[in-house]
Amino acid sequence: MLGILILIFIGRHFYKLAEKYNKNAWLFAILGIVAYYVGTLLAGVILGVLMEIFSWNIDFENNYGLGIIALPFGIGMSFLFYSILKPNWKEQYERNLDNELYRSKALTPSSEEE
């Protein structure tokens, strides 16, 4: 149940961000959730490698414990993806607004010419 709530939370934030900057909202909501799963997969790989290197004895049949271990990695990966997208889109959006403002001033006849 907790996992579903986290996915809804992540998807909603990416949806709102994409909607704010006129991007494909559903695509980026899904990509935010995919980023979460990539982070949890990465946590599993890192945990497996560390287990082999340091000879840790981790019970991989305890799904609840592994989920708790992988949770911060998934959230961190989603946050990293969000942190990359937001400034890039903000800069792009502001640049587009500046270009539109410049074009609108260039197309409008000035009062001096009349």
Protein backbone atom coordinates (compact mmCIF):
# COMPACT_ATOMS: atom_id res chain seq x y z
CA MET A 1 0.00 0.00 0.00
CA LEU A 2 2.84 2.35 0.84
CA GLY A 3 4.42 1.68 -2.55
CA ILE A 4 1.26 2.66 -4.40
CA LEU A 5 1.00 5.91 -2.45
CA ILE A 6 4.63 6.74 -3.22
CA LEU A 7 4.08 6.09 -6.94
CA ILE A 8 0.98 8.30 -6.95
CA PHE A 9 2.89 11.04 -5.13
CA ILE A 10 5.83 10.88 -7.55
CA GLY A 11 3.61 10.71 -10.63
CA ARG A 12 1.52 13.66 -9.48
CA HIS A 13 4.56 15.88 -8.92
CA PHE A 14 6.04 15.08 -12.32
CA TYR A 15 2.61 15.59 -13.93
CA LYS A 16 2.26 19.05 -12.38
CA LEU A 17 5.81 20.02 -13.36
CA ALA A 18 5.30 18.96 -16.98
CA GLU A 19 1.93 20.71 -17.13
CA LYS A 20 3.46 23.94 -15.78
CA TYR A 21 6.09 24.04 -18.52
CA ASN A 22 3.80 22.84 -21.34
CA LYS A 23 5.36 19.38 -21.74
CA ASN A 24 3.65 16.01 -22.18
CA ALA A 25 2.31 15.54 -18.64
CA TRP A 26 1.46 11.84 -18.74
CA LEU A 27 4.77 10.92 -20.33
CA PHE A 28 6.76 12.64 -17.59
CA ALA A 29 4.52 11.27 -14.84
CA ILE A 30 5.35 7.80 -16.09
CA LEU A 31 9.04 8.66 -16.51
CA GLY A 32 9.13 9.86 -12.89
CA ILE A 33 7.77 6.49 -11.77
CA VAL A 34 10.28 4.71 -14.02
CA ALA A 35 13.05 6.75 -12.37
CA TYR A 36 11.83 5.46 -9.00
CA TYR A 37 12.04 1.86 -10.19
CA VAL A 38 15.48 2.43 -11.73
CA GLY A 39 16.64 3.73 -8.35
CA THR A 40 15.31 0.67 -6.53
CA LEU A 41 16.91 -1.60 -9.14
CA LEU A 42 20.20 0.23 -8.67
CA ALA A 43 19.89 -0.27 -4.91
CA GLY A 44 19.46 -4.00 -5.44
CA VAL A 45 22.53 -4.19 -7.66
CA ILE A 46 24.63 -2.16 -5.23
CA LEU A 47 23.41 -4.26 -2.31
CA GLY A 48 24.23 -7.48 -4.17
CA VAL A 49 27.73 -6.29 -5.06
CA LEU A 50 28.41 -5.12 -1.51
CA MET A 51 27.10 -8.40 -0.17
CA GLU A 52 29.61 -10.31 -2.29
CA ILE A 53 32.53 -8.01 -1.52
CA PHE A 54 32.05 -7.87 2.26
CA SER A 55 30.47 -11.34 2.66
CA TRP A 56 27.35 -9.93 4.27
CA ASN A 57 24.61 -12.38 5.08
CA ILE A 58 21.42 -10.66 3.87
CA ASP A 59 18.12 -12.52 3.73
CA PHE A 60 16.76 -11.79 0.25
CA GLU A 61 13.49 -13.52 1.04
CA ASN A 62 12.47 -10.71 3.38
CA ASN A 63 10.72 -8.50 0.82
CA TYR A 64 9.64 -5.94 3.41
CA GLY A 65 13.22 -5.35 4.58
CA LEU A 66 14.56 -5.08 1.04
CA GLY A 67 11.77 -2.66 0.16
CA ILE A 68 12.71 -0.44 3.09
CA ILE A 69 16.37 -0.54 2.04
CA ALA A 70 15.56 0.28 -1.62
CA LEU A 71 13.01 3.01 -0.83
CA PRO A 72 15.50 5.89 -0.31
CA PHE A 73 17.32 4.97 -3.52
CA GLY A 74 14.10 5.12 -5.53
CA ILE A 75 12.99 8.39 -4.01
CA GLY A 76 16.48 9.81 -4.45
CA MET A 77 16.57 8.86 -8.13
CA SER A 78 13.16 10.47 -8.72
CA PHE A 79 14.28 13.60 -6.88
CA LEU A 80 17.47 13.73 -8.95
CA PHE A 81 15.48 13.42 -12.19
CA TYR A 82 13.05 16.13 -10.99
CA SER A 83 15.97 18.37 -10.01
CA ILE A 84 17.48 18.00 -13.47
CA LEU A 85 14.25 18.65 -15.36
CA LYS A 86 12.96 21.66 -13.42
CA PRO A 87 15.83 24.12 -13.96
CA ASN A 88 16.25 23.08 -17.60
CA TRP A 89 12.56 23.56 -18.34
CA LYS A 90 12.45 26.81 -16.39
CA GLU A 91 15.35 28.23 -18.38
CA GLN A 92 13.82 27.05 -21.65
CA TYR A 93 10.43 28.50 -20.72
CA GLU A 94 11.91 31.89 -19.80
CA ARG A 95 13.96 31.96 -22.99
CA ASN A 96 10.81 31.25 -25.03
CA LEU A 97 8.95 34.03 -23.20
CA ASP A 98 11.77 36.46 -23.91
CA ASN A 99 11.77 35.49 -27.59
CA GLU A 100 7.99 35.94 -27.83
CA LEU A 101 8.22 39.32 -26.12
CA TYR A 102 10.99 40.41 -28.50
CA ARG A 103 8.99 39.24 -31.53
CA SER A 104 5.84 41.00 -30.36
CA LYS A 105 7.75 44.27 -29.91
CA ALA A 106 9.41 43.87 -33.32
CA LEU A 107 6.07 43.28 -35.04
CA THR A 108 4.29 46.16 -33.32
CA PRO A 109 4.73 49.49 -35.12
CA SER A 110 6.29 52.09 -32.91
CA SER A 111 4.58 55.43 -32.28
CA GLU A 112 7.55 57.36 -33.66
CA GLU A 113 7.01 56.11 -37.21
CA GLU A 114 3.45 57.46 -37.40
